[in-house]
Amino acid sequence: MPPATDAPSAVPLKKLDAVRYQVPSSYKPGMRVPGLIYANEKLLGDILKDKAVQQVVNVAHLPGIVGNSMAMPDMHWGYGFPIGGVAATDIKEGGVISPGGVGFDINCGVRLVRTNFKEAEVRPHLRELMKALFQHVPAGVGSQSGLRLNQQELKQVLSRGARWAVEQGYGTEGDLEAMEDHGCIKGADPACVSERAIERGRKQCGTLGSGNHFLEVQVIDKIYEPDIARQLDLFEGEVVFMVHCGSRGLGYQVCDDFCRTFSQCLEKYHISVPDRQLACAPVESPEGREYFAAMRSAANFAFTNRQYILHQARQAFQKVFHKKWEELGIRLIYDVAHNIAKIENYEFAGREHQLCVHRKGATRAFPPGHPELAGRYRKIGQPVIIPGDMGRNSFLLIGVESARETFYSCCHGAGRVMSRSRAQKQFNARTILKELEDRGIIVQAESLDTITEEAPLVYKDVSEVVEVVQQAGLSKKVCRMRPMGVVKG
């Protein structure tokens, strides 16, 4: 990852409205489209502290890019693309795929899970529950799962995703119906995943990892769209929990492998980009097809990882409350990916275009009626899950038609405003834990360093971020959740 920087952006921005800022395509020779940043004035102050806006400009140079090079209000500096970056390339017009536009943690994503509990029913048992969740769900750097897979089983995970987990008894068909792509992206090929990546992932399926990944118990404290909330069986005062993690070392290794491969593709395919971290290849090239097959495999690993964590969390709830999880109403609301590239069809300029849509630190946000949605989601739209930090709120939103301008994409979280090294110097872990506990938030963590690095003030205010996406018409708020307890690596 690039080092943290406090160097301000020198890129000129044109204010289009209260939540949109443009970098004209005339700003730099080689820009094929404008840059478009979603932010209000308050968030823009944080955004301009690093070089993420320059990365928006760099992405605008990609061959085949259409529309705009976009960034969400939670944007910050990343590898190649900014985190929060969205870009679509037209496959038939030489459009490329870039590992830097997906990220190292392929299909890092979030799932939201409901329960039948009200806050008052859980509060007396909260410390016991958080301890049980911490014991059942391995977390932290190098954490290993109780689910030990041999190579053949792992390759089944890579090709079949969460369906493999359900068939092993780690969930239900209802879980699959509540996942993006039903928990399995077609076109995965484990043969395209290196042995090193497979070995790194073999003991990690069912683990949270470290950094900003978490399992958080929350209570819904505000409903914005009562009808949609009712259709999702969500109500004010209800206890829910959220899981945020991805493809662990396996996904990281896939990205690392193909970043090296794609560096050689720049010369091979005569591609010029202003930053070698944007190394890319045409989607329809042999290298592009191989990366897609490996990336989809890693994405399926991530879906399975979150599914097994859900299974383990259900076991923890059963242990504490002495009832089967079905009786406790523990049901998946939705699971979304936010580090992924997808092939999607869009109609503009009088014809249908097949696009490669990169969403890095951004989530899909399909509207009601979209053909890729099924069941109740076809009627109400796709849930969009936006976690905050461990001391502030999280949100559930729903996709809307007006998000077409971002190829139906939305933000994925609060977004960092401080590097981990700076946070280590500025905050004290035990002080943070005490402040959170005084507010009724119980934290279980493998490392005190993680507490310091993930302090609430390290992040933007997620409420501001969510207001921007709602005002911009990228999604609309359904409900707000307040943290009760957190498991961190």
Protein backbone atom coordinates (compact mmCIF):
# COMPACT_ATOMS: atom_id res chain seq x y z
CA MET A 1 0.00 0.00 0.00
CA PRO A 2 1.19 3.57 -0.59
CA PRO A 3 2.59 5.39 2.41
CA ALA A 4 0.45 7.93 4.23
CA THR A 5 0.91 11.51 3.10
CA ASP A 6 -0.30 14.87 4.28
CA ALA A 7 0.61 16.54 0.98
CA PRO A 8 -2.45 18.50 -0.22
CA SER A 9 -3.96 17.89 -3.62
CA ALA A 10 -3.13 20.52 -6.24
CA VAL A 11 -5.79 19.31 -8.67
CA PRO A 12 -8.30 22.02 -9.61
CA LEU A 13 -11.92 21.17 -8.81
CA LYS A 14 -15.04 22.69 -10.36
CA LYS A 15 -18.07 22.68 -8.07
CA LEU A 16 -21.08 21.31 -10.00
CA ASP A 17 -23.54 21.33 -7.10
CA ALA A 18 -23.57 20.87 -3.32
CA VAL A 19 -22.23 17.28 -3.51
CA ARG A 20 -20.41 17.00 -6.86
CA TYR A 21 -16.97 18.28 -7.84
CA GLN A 22 -15.46 17.81 -11.28
CA VAL A 23 -11.94 17.63 -12.64
CA PRO A 24 -12.34 18.59 -16.34
CA SER A 25 -10.83 16.17 -18.84
CA SER A 26 -8.84 19.11 -20.21
CA TYR A 27 -6.83 19.25 -16.96
CA LYS A 28 -4.20 16.72 -18.08
CA PRO A 29 -3.27 15.47 -21.56
CA GLY A 30 -4.33 11.84 -21.84
CA MET A 31 -7.45 12.11 -19.67
CA ARG A 32 -10.20 10.34 -21.60
CA VAL A 33 -13.06 11.39 -19.28
CA PRO A 34 -13.59 13.93 -16.49
CA GLY A 35 -13.08 13.11 -12.84
CA LEU A 36 -16.16 13.28 -10.60
CA ILE A 37 -15.95 13.40 -6.81
CA TYR A 38 -18.97 13.11 -4.52
CA ALA A 39 -18.45 15.19 -1.37
CA ASN A 40 -19.71 18.18 0.54
CA GLU A 41 -17.47 21.05 1.60
CA LYS A 42 -16.79 19.54 5.02
CA LEU A 43 -15.67 16.17 3.65
CA LEU A 44 -13.70 17.81 0.85
CA GLY A 45 -11.36 19.32 3.42
CA ASP A 46 -10.28 15.81 4.48
CA ILE A 47 -10.21 14.49 0.92
CA LEU A 48 -7.75 17.17 -0.19
CA LYS A 49 -5.23 16.24 2.50
CA ASP A 50 -3.78 13.37 0.46
CA LYS A 51 -3.29 12.53 -3.21
CA ALA A 52 -6.53 10.63 -3.78
CA VAL A 53 -7.85 13.31 -6.16
CA GLN A 54 -4.71 12.91 -8.28
CA GLN A 55 -5.50 9.20 -8.43
CA VAL A 56 -8.97 10.03 -9.79
CA VAL A 57 -7.16 11.95 -12.56
CA ASN A 58 -4.81 9.02 -13.20
CA VAL A 59 -7.70 6.55 -13.52
CA ALA A 60 -9.26 8.81 -16.17
CA HIS A 61 -6.39 7.77 -18.49
CA LEU A 62 -7.41 4.09 -18.64
CA PRO A 63 -8.11 2.74 -22.14
CA GLY A 64 -11.82 2.29 -22.81
CA ILE A 65 -13.02 4.25 -19.77
CA VAL A 66 -16.51 5.71 -20.18
CA GLY A 67 -18.60 8.24 -18.24
CA ASN A 68 -16.40 9.61 -15.47
CA SER A 69 -13.55 8.52 -13.25
CA MET A 70 -15.47 8.65 -9.97
CA ALA A 71 -14.80 8.65 -6.25
CA MET A 72 -17.22 8.32 -3.36
CA PRO A 73 -17.31 10.63 -0.29
CA ASP A 74 -15.38 8.08 1.80
CA MET A 75 -12.46 8.24 -0.65
CA HIS A 76 -8.82 8.21 0.40
CA TRP A 77 -5.45 7.28 -1.05
CA GLY A 78 -5.01 3.69 -2.17
CA TYR A 79 -2.99 1.50 -4.51
CA GLY A 80 -3.48 2.75 -8.08
CA PHE A 81 -7.15 3.64 -7.71
CA PRO A 82 -8.25 5.68 -4.72
CA ILE A 83 -10.17 3.69 -2.15
CA GLY A 84 -13.73 4.69 -2.96
CA GLY A 85 -12.94 4.73 -6.69
CA VAL A 86 -15.37 3.65 -9.42
CA ALA A 87 -14.56 3.32 -13.13
CA ALA A 88 -16.15 1.46 -16.04
CA THR A 89 -14.40 0.48 -19.26
CA ASP A 90 -16.10 -0.52 -22.51
CA ILE A 91 -14.93 -4.04 -23.34
CA LYS A 92 -15.57 -3.78 -27.07
CA GLU A 93 -13.67 -0.49 -27.24
CA GLY A 94 -10.45 -1.87 -25.80
CA GLY A 95 -11.56 -1.57 -22.20
CA VAL A 96 -9.08 -2.79 -19.61
CA ILE A 97 -9.17 -4.50 -16.24
CA SER A 98 -6.75 -3.27 -13.54
CA PRO A 99 -6.00 -5.14 -10.29
CA GLY A 100 -5.42 -1.71 -8.71
CA GLY A 101 -9.08 -0.99 -9.42
CA VAL A 102 -10.16 -3.99 -7.34
CA GLY A 103 -7.65 -3.90 -4.52
CA PHE A 104 -5.64 -6.43 -2.57
CA ASP A 105 -8.49 -7.67 -0.38
CA ILE A 106 -10.67 -8.98 -3.22
CA ASN A 107 -14.36 -9.02 -2.28
CA CYS A 108 -13.78 -7.42 1.04
CA GLY A 109 -17.44 -6.96 1.91
CA VAL A 110 -20.11 -6.59 4.55
CA ARG A 111 -23.13 -8.62 5.61
CA LEU A 112 -25.96 -7.51 7.86
CA VAL A 113 -27.80 -10.09 9.98
CA ARG A 114 -31.07 -9.60 11.89
CA THR A 115 -32.24 -11.24 15.13
CA ASN A 116 -35.53 -11.38 17.06
CA PHE A 117 -33.92 -9.66 20.04
CA LYS A 118 -34.62 -6.21 21.40
CA GLU A 119 -31.79 -4.28 23.00
CA ALA A 120 -33.12 -4.75 26.54
CA GLU A 121 -33.04 -8.53 26.07
CA VAL A 122 -29.38 -8.59 25.00
CA ARG A 123 -27.91 -5.86 27.20
CA PRO A 124 -27.69 -8.02 30.40
CA HIS A 125 -25.86 -10.74 28.41
CA LEU A 126 -23.76 -8.46 26.20
CA ARG A 127 -20.37 -9.11 27.78
CA GLU A 128 -20.94 -12.86 27.71
CA LEU A 129 -22.14 -12.66 24.09
CA MET A 130 -19.12 -10.66 22.93
CA LYS A 131 -16.79 -13.11 24.67
CA ALA A 132 -18.54 -16.04 22.96
CA LEU A 133 -18.34 -14.35 19.55
CA PHE A 134 -14.64 -13.63 20.11
CA GLN A 135 -14.05 -17.28 20.99
CA HIS A 136 -16.02 -18.64 18.02
CA VAL A 137 -14.71 -16.28 15.31
CA PRO A 138 -10.89 -16.17 15.00
CA ALA A 139 -9.56 -12.65 14.50
CA GLY A 140 -6.21 -10.93 14.10
CA VAL A 141 -3.08 -11.16 11.98
CA GLY A 142 -2.34 -14.77 11.05
CA SER A 143 -5.55 -16.04 12.66
CA GLN A 144 -6.46 -19.60 11.67
CA SER A 145 -9.89 -21.13 11.32
CA GLY A 146 -11.24 -24.28 12.88
CA LEU A 147 -12.39 -25.09 9.34
CA ARG A 148 -9.33 -26.87 7.95
CA LEU A 149 -9.62 -27.37 4.21
CA ASN A 150 -7.52 -29.66 2.10
CA GLN A 151 -6.55 -28.46 -1.37
CA GLN A 152 -9.47 -30.16 -3.09
CA GLU A 153 -11.98 -28.67 -0.67
CA LEU A 154 -10.46 -25.23 -1.06
CA LYS A 155 -10.72 -25.47 -4.82
CA GLN A 156 -14.41 -26.31 -4.38
CA VAL A 157 -14.73 -23.12 -2.31
CA LEU A 158 -13.01 -21.11 -5.05
CA SER A 159 -15.28 -22.42 -7.78
CA ARG A 160 -18.59 -22.75 -5.89
CA GLY A 161 -18.42 -20.09 -3.18
CA ALA A 162 -20.92 -19.96 -0.34
CA ARG A 163 -23.02 -22.75 -1.85
CA TRP A 164 -20.24 -25.14 -0.87
CA ALA A 165 -20.54 -23.91 2.73
CA VAL A 166 -24.33 -24.36 2.74
CA GLU A 167 -24.01 -27.90 1.40
CA GLN A 168 -21.63 -28.68 4.28
CA GLY A 169 -24.29 -27.57 6.78
CA TYR A 170 -22.93 -24.06 7.39
CA GLY A 171 -26.08 -22.20 6.38
CA THR A 172 -29.30 -22.35 4.39
CA GLU A 173 -30.68 -21.66 0.94
CA GLY A 174 -32.17 -18.50 2.43
CA ASP A 175 -28.64 -17.28 3.16
CA LEU A 176 -27.67 -17.72 -0.49
CA GLU A 177 -30.72 -15.75 -1.66
CA ALA A 178 -29.55 -12.81 0.47
CA MET A 179 -26.06 -12.55 -1.06
CA GLU A 180 -24.77 -10.62 -4.04
CA ASP A 181 -24.51 -13.18 -6.88
CA HIS A 182 -26.04 -15.72 -4.47
CA GLY A 183 -22.59 -16.07 -2.95
CA CYS A 184 -20.89 -17.40 -6.08
CA ILE A 185 -19.55 -15.43 -9.03
CA LYS A 186 -19.62 -17.50 -12.21
CA GLY A 187 -16.47 -17.82 -14.29
CA ALA A 188 -14.11 -18.60 -11.42
CA ASP A 189 -11.23 -20.95 -12.23
CA PRO A 190 -9.04 -22.23 -9.36
CA ALA A 191 -6.41 -23.23 -11.93
CA CYS A 192 -5.67 -19.52 -12.36
CA VAL A 193 -4.91 -19.11 -8.65
CA SER A 194 -1.27 -19.66 -7.67
CA GLU A 195 -0.24 -22.41 -5.28
CA ARG A 196 1.12 -19.72 -2.97
CA ALA A 197 -2.32 -18.04 -2.82
CA ILE A 198 -4.05 -21.38 -2.18
CA GLU A 199 -1.65 -22.22 0.63
CA ARG A 200 -2.17 -18.81 2.24
CA GLY A 201 -5.95 -19.26 2.21
CA ARG A 202 -6.15 -22.89 3.26
CA LYS A 203 -6.35 -22.22 7.02
CA GLN A 204 -8.02 -18.79 6.87
CA CYS A 205 -11.58 -19.50 5.71
CA GLY A 206 -13.76 -18.45 8.62
CA THR A 207 -11.50 -15.73 10.07
CA LEU A 208 -11.91 -11.97 10.40
CA GLY A 209 -8.31 -10.94 9.98
CA SER A 210 -7.15 -7.60 11.33
CA GLY A 211 -7.21 -3.88 10.48
CA ASN A 212 -10.64 -2.45 9.85
CA HIS A 213 -12.35 -5.86 9.78
CA PHE A 214 -14.86 -6.62 12.51
CA LEU A 215 -17.93 -8.39 13.79
CA GLU A 216 -20.22 -5.84 15.45
CA VAL A 217 -23.43 -6.27 17.45
CA GLN A 218 -25.71 -3.28 16.90
CA VAL A 219 -29.18 -1.98 17.67
CA ILE A 220 -31.41 -0.21 15.14
CA ASP A 221 -32.06 3.22 16.63
CA LYS A 222 -33.74 5.01 13.73
CA ILE A 223 -35.96 3.99 10.78
CA TYR A 224 -36.11 6.26 7.72
CA GLU A 225 -38.13 4.07 5.33
CA PRO A 226 -40.70 2.13 7.42
CA ASP A 227 -42.20 0.21 4.51
CA ILE A 228 -38.85 -1.08 3.23
CA ALA A 229 -37.67 -1.85 6.76
CA ARG A 230 -40.86 -3.83 7.37
CA GLN A 231 -40.32 -5.87 4.20
CA LEU A 232 -36.82 -6.70 5.45
CA ASP A 233 -38.23 -7.59 8.92
CA LEU A 234 -36.31 -4.78 10.61
CA PHE A 235 -37.72 -2.62 13.39
CA GLU A 236 -36.54 0.11 15.77
CA GLY A 237 -34.87 -1.35 18.87
CA GLU A 238 -33.99 -4.62 17.09
CA VAL A 239 -30.56 -6.15 17.65
CA VAL A 240 -28.61 -6.95 14.48
CA PHE A 241 -24.99 -7.76 13.75
CA MET A 242 -22.62 -6.94 10.95
CA VAL A 243 -19.60 -8.84 9.57
CA HIS A 244 -16.87 -7.05 7.61
CA CYS A 245 -14.02 -9.07 6.10
CA GLY A 246 -12.73 -10.37 2.77
CA SER A 247 -10.53 -12.94 1.06
CA ARG A 248 -7.64 -12.75 3.54
CA GLY A 249 -4.17 -13.82 2.39
CA LEU A 250 -5.52 -15.68 -0.63
CA GLY A 251 -7.01 -12.54 -2.19
CA TYR A 252 -3.95 -10.49 -1.33
CA GLN A 253 -1.71 -13.01 -3.08
CA VAL A 254 -3.92 -13.10 -6.19
CA CYS A 255 -3.68 -9.32 -6.47
CA ASP A 256 0.08 -9.35 -5.85
CA ASP A 257 0.62 -12.05 -8.48
CA PHE A 258 -1.30 -10.22 -11.17
CA CYS A 259 0.12 -6.78 -10.39
CA ARG A 260 3.47 -8.26 -11.44
CA THR A 261 1.99 -9.91 -14.54
CA PHE A 262 0.14 -6.78 -15.62
CA SER A 263 3.22 -4.58 -15.32
CA GLN A 264 4.54 -6.46 -18.35
CA CYS A 265 1.23 -5.99 -20.18
CA LEU A 266 1.66 -2.22 -20.44
CA GLU A 267 4.42 -2.59 -23.01
CA LYS A 268 2.88 -5.65 -24.65
CA TYR A 269 -0.43 -3.89 -25.38
CA HIS A 270 1.06 -0.39 -25.87
CA ILE A 271 -0.82 1.04 -22.89
CA SER A 272 0.30 4.32 -21.35
CA VAL A 273 -0.82 5.20 -17.80
CA PRO A 274 0.58 7.91 -15.50
CA ASP A 275 1.08 5.48 -12.59
CA ARG A 276 2.41 1.93 -12.88
CA GLN A 277 0.12 0.94 -10.01
CA LEU A 278 -2.61 1.20 -12.68
CA ALA A 279 -1.02 -1.67 -14.60
CA CYS A 280 -3.78 -3.23 -16.70
CA ALA A 281 -4.62 -5.42 -19.65
CA PRO A 282 -7.54 -5.55 -22.11
CA VAL A 283 -10.43 -7.48 -20.58
CA GLU A 284 -10.49 -9.80 -23.57
CA SER A 285 -6.74 -10.50 -23.56
CA PRO A 286 -5.40 -13.80 -22.21
CA GLU A 287 -4.04 -11.98 -19.16
CA GLY A 288 -7.32 -10.15 -18.60
CA ARG A 289 -9.35 -13.35 -18.77
CA GLU A 290 -6.93 -15.14 -16.43
CA TYR A 291 -7.09 -12.34 -13.85
CA PHE A 292 -10.88 -12.30 -13.99
CA ALA A 293 -10.98 -16.06 -13.36
CA ALA A 294 -8.58 -15.74 -10.41
CA MET A 295 -10.32 -12.66 -9.00
CA ARG A 296 -13.70 -14.41 -9.13
CA SER A 297 -12.17 -17.38 -7.34
CA ALA A 298 -10.91 -15.11 -4.56
CA ALA A 299 -14.32 -13.43 -4.41
CA ASN A 300 -15.96 -16.81 -3.90
CA PHE A 301 -13.50 -17.54 -1.09
CA ALA A 302 -14.58 -14.26 0.57
CA PHE A 303 -18.29 -15.11 0.29
CA THR A 304 -17.54 -18.48 1.91
CA ASN A 305 -15.41 -16.85 4.58
CA ARG A 306 -18.27 -14.58 5.64
CA GLN A 307 -20.73 -17.46 5.46
CA TYR A 308 -18.71 -19.64 7.82
CA ILE A 309 -18.32 -16.67 10.18
CA LEU A 310 -22.12 -16.34 10.17
CA HIS A 311 -22.36 -20.04 11.05
CA GLN A 312 -19.93 -19.55 13.93
CA ALA A 313 -21.76 -16.46 15.14
CA ARG A 314 -25.01 -18.42 15.18
CA GLN A 315 -23.29 -21.02 17.37
CA ALA A 316 -22.18 -18.29 19.76
CA PHE A 317 -25.73 -16.90 20.06
CA GLN A 318 -27.05 -20.42 20.70
CA LYS A 319 -24.47 -20.93 23.46
CA VAL A 320 -25.40 -17.71 25.26
CA PHE A 321 -29.19 -17.79 24.84
CA HIS A 322 -29.75 -21.59 24.96
CA LYS A 323 -31.99 -21.73 21.90
CA LYS A 324 -31.46 -22.79 18.31
CA TRP A 325 -30.46 -19.96 16.02
CA GLU A 326 -33.63 -20.45 13.94
CA GLU A 327 -35.72 -19.72 17.04
CA LEU A 328 -33.62 -16.60 17.64
CA GLY A 329 -34.49 -15.30 14.17
CA ILE A 330 -30.86 -14.98 13.06
CA ARG A 331 -31.31 -14.37 9.36
CA LEU A 332 -29.11 -12.73 6.74
CA ILE A 333 -30.47 -9.43 5.38
CA TYR A 334 -27.83 -9.02 2.65
CA ASP A 335 -24.14 -9.48 1.80
CA VAL A 336 -22.37 -7.05 -0.54
CA ALA A 337 -18.90 -6.96 -2.08
CA HIS A 338 -16.97 -3.71 -2.16
CA ASN A 339 -13.65 -4.64 -3.81
CA ILE A 340 -14.63 -6.21 -7.11
CA ALA A 341 -14.83 -5.82 -10.88
CA LYS A 342 -17.97 -7.00 -12.67
CA ILE A 343 -19.09 -7.35 -16.28
CA GLU A 344 -22.40 -5.43 -16.54
CA ASN A 345 -24.57 -4.24 -19.40
CA TYR A 346 -25.68 -0.61 -19.79
CA GLU A 347 -27.56 1.16 -22.53
CA PHE A 348 -26.39 4.61 -23.64
CA ALA A 349 -25.69 6.47 -26.87
CA GLY A 350 -28.44 4.41 -28.50
CA ARG A 351 -26.98 0.95 -27.94
CA GLU A 352 -26.11 -1.57 -25.28
CA HIS A 353 -22.55 -1.60 -23.96
CA GLN A 354 -20.82 -4.36 -22.06
CA LEU A 355 -18.72 -2.72 -19.37
CA CYS A 356 -16.11 -3.81 -16.88
CA VAL A 357 -17.14 -1.91 -13.74
CA HIS A 358 -14.39 -1.51 -11.13
CA ARG A 359 -15.64 -0.84 -7.60
CA LYS A 360 -12.79 -0.40 -5.14
CA GLY A 361 -14.02 0.57 -1.72
CA ALA A 362 -17.43 1.01 -3.32
CA THR A 363 -20.51 -1.18 -3.34
CA ARG A 364 -23.05 -2.10 -5.98
CA ALA A 365 -26.43 -0.35 -5.51
CA PHE A 366 -28.95 -1.78 -7.98
CA PRO A 367 -32.42 -0.17 -8.03
CA PRO A 368 -35.86 -1.82 -7.83
CA GLY A 369 -36.65 -3.82 -10.96
CA HIS A 370 -33.04 -4.48 -11.92
CA PRO A 371 -32.84 -7.84 -13.75
CA GLU A 372 -29.91 -9.08 -11.62
CA LEU A 373 -31.99 -8.80 -8.43
CA ALA A 374 -34.31 -11.61 -7.36
CA GLY A 375 -37.03 -12.23 -4.81
CA ARG A 376 -38.00 -9.33 -2.56
CA TYR A 377 -34.95 -7.33 -3.65
CA ARG A 378 -36.35 -7.06 -7.20
CA LYS A 379 -39.25 -5.12 -5.69
CA ILE A 380 -37.50 -2.88 -3.16
CA GLY A 381 -33.96 -2.57 -4.56
CA GLN A 382 -30.61 -3.91 -3.39
CA PRO A 383 -29.60 -3.30 0.23
CA VAL A 384 -26.48 -1.14 0.59
CA ILE A 385 -24.60 -1.65 3.88
CA ILE A 386 -22.45 1.24 5.11
CA PRO A 387 -20.53 0.56 8.34
CA GLY A 388 -19.12 3.37 10.43
CA ASP A 389 -16.38 3.03 13.03
CA MET A 390 -16.58 1.12 16.30
CA GLY A 391 -17.79 4.18 18.20
CA ARG A 392 -20.32 5.61 15.77
CA ASN A 393 -23.35 4.61 13.73
CA SER A 394 -23.70 2.36 10.71
CA PHE A 395 -26.42 2.56 8.05
CA LEU A 396 -28.53 0.39 5.80
CA LEU A 397 -29.53 2.04 2.53
CA ILE A 398 -31.32 0.83 -0.59
CA GLY A 399 -30.44 1.19 -4.27
CA VAL A 400 -32.23 3.76 -6.44
CA GLU A 401 -32.52 4.38 -10.19
CA SER A 402 -30.77 7.76 -10.06
CA ALA A 403 -27.51 5.97 -9.19
CA ARG A 404 -27.23 5.04 -12.87
CA GLU A 405 -24.73 7.90 -13.26
CA THR A 406 -22.26 5.90 -11.11
CA PHE A 407 -23.14 2.62 -12.84
CA TYR A 408 -25.26 1.90 -9.75
CA SER A 409 -22.41 2.32 -7.28
CA CYS A 410 -22.32 3.78 -3.79
CA CYS A 411 -19.82 4.34 -0.96
CA HIS A 412 -18.72 1.49 1.29
CA GLY A 413 -17.96 3.03 4.69
CA ALA A 414 -16.70 6.08 6.54
CA GLY A 415 -13.21 6.35 5.03
CA ARG A 416 -9.94 6.92 6.86
CA VAL A 417 -8.60 10.39 7.55
CA MET A 418 -5.52 9.33 9.54
CA SER A 419 -2.76 6.83 8.89
CA ARG A 420 -2.26 3.90 11.23
CA SER A 421 1.20 5.12 12.24
CA ARG A 422 -0.13 8.55 13.13
CA ALA A 423 -3.00 6.99 15.10
CA GLN A 424 -0.48 4.94 17.10
CA LYS A 425 1.26 8.15 18.14
CA GLN A 426 -1.90 10.08 18.92
CA PHE A 427 -4.19 7.63 20.75
CA ASN A 428 -4.00 5.27 23.72
CA ALA A 429 -5.79 1.93 23.36
CA ARG A 430 -6.82 1.58 26.99
CA THR A 431 -8.23 5.10 27.04
CA ILE A 432 -10.28 4.32 23.92
CA LEU A 433 -11.60 1.08 25.43
CA LYS A 434 -12.63 2.89 28.60
CA GLU A 435 -14.39 5.67 26.65
CA LEU A 436 -16.28 3.11 24.58
CA GLU A 437 -17.26 1.04 27.60
CA ASP A 438 -18.56 4.18 29.34
CA ARG A 439 -20.90 4.53 26.35
CA GLY A 440 -22.07 0.93 26.65
CA ILE A 441 -19.86 -0.47 23.85
CA ILE A 442 -17.95 -3.66 24.72
CA VAL A 443 -14.84 -4.36 22.63
CA GLN A 444 -13.08 -7.71 22.29
CA ALA A 445 -9.80 -7.40 20.42
CA GLU A 446 -6.82 -9.63 19.70
CA SER A 447 -4.42 -6.66 19.74
CA LEU A 448 -4.32 -3.31 21.51
CA ASP A 449 -2.57 -1.91 18.42
CA THR A 450 -5.73 -2.55 16.40
CA ILE A 451 -7.78 -0.53 18.89
CA THR A 452 -5.42 2.42 18.49
CA GLU A 453 -5.27 2.16 14.69
CA GLU A 454 -9.07 1.90 14.46
CA ALA A 455 -9.97 4.69 16.92
CA PRO A 456 -13.21 6.49 15.97
CA LEU A 457 -11.41 9.76 15.15
CA VAL A 458 -9.29 7.91 12.56
CA TYR A 459 -12.38 7.92 10.32
CA LYS A 460 -14.66 10.45 8.70
CA ASP A 461 -18.08 10.88 10.26
CA VAL A 462 -20.13 8.22 8.47
CA SER A 463 -23.31 10.27 8.93
CA GLU A 464 -21.79 12.99 6.72
CA VAL A 465 -20.77 10.41 4.12
CA VAL A 466 -24.25 8.89 4.02
CA GLU A 467 -25.91 12.31 3.74
CA VAL A 468 -23.83 13.00 0.63
CA VAL A 469 -24.79 9.77 -1.12
CA GLN A 470 -28.46 10.34 -0.29
CA GLN A 471 -28.34 13.94 -1.47
CA ALA A 472 -26.56 12.85 -4.65
CA GLY A 473 -29.24 10.22 -5.32
CA LEU A 474 -26.89 7.23 -5.11
CA SER A 475 -28.95 5.40 -2.44
CA LYS A 476 -31.55 6.24 0.17
CA LYS A 477 -31.39 5.61 3.91
CA VAL A 478 -33.51 2.79 5.38
CA CYS A 479 -32.27 2.59 8.98
CA ARG A 480 -29.44 3.53 11.32
CA MET A 481 -27.63 1.21 13.71
CA ARG A 482 -25.75 2.05 16.92
CA PRO A 483 -22.87 -0.20 18.13
CA MET A 484 -23.26 -2.31 21.29
CA GLY A 485 -20.23 -4.61 21.03
CA VAL A 486 -17.34 -5.16 18.65
CA VAL A 487 -14.94 -8.01 17.87
CA LYS A 488 -11.67 -6.80 16.30
CA GLY A 489 -8.49 -8.53 15.19
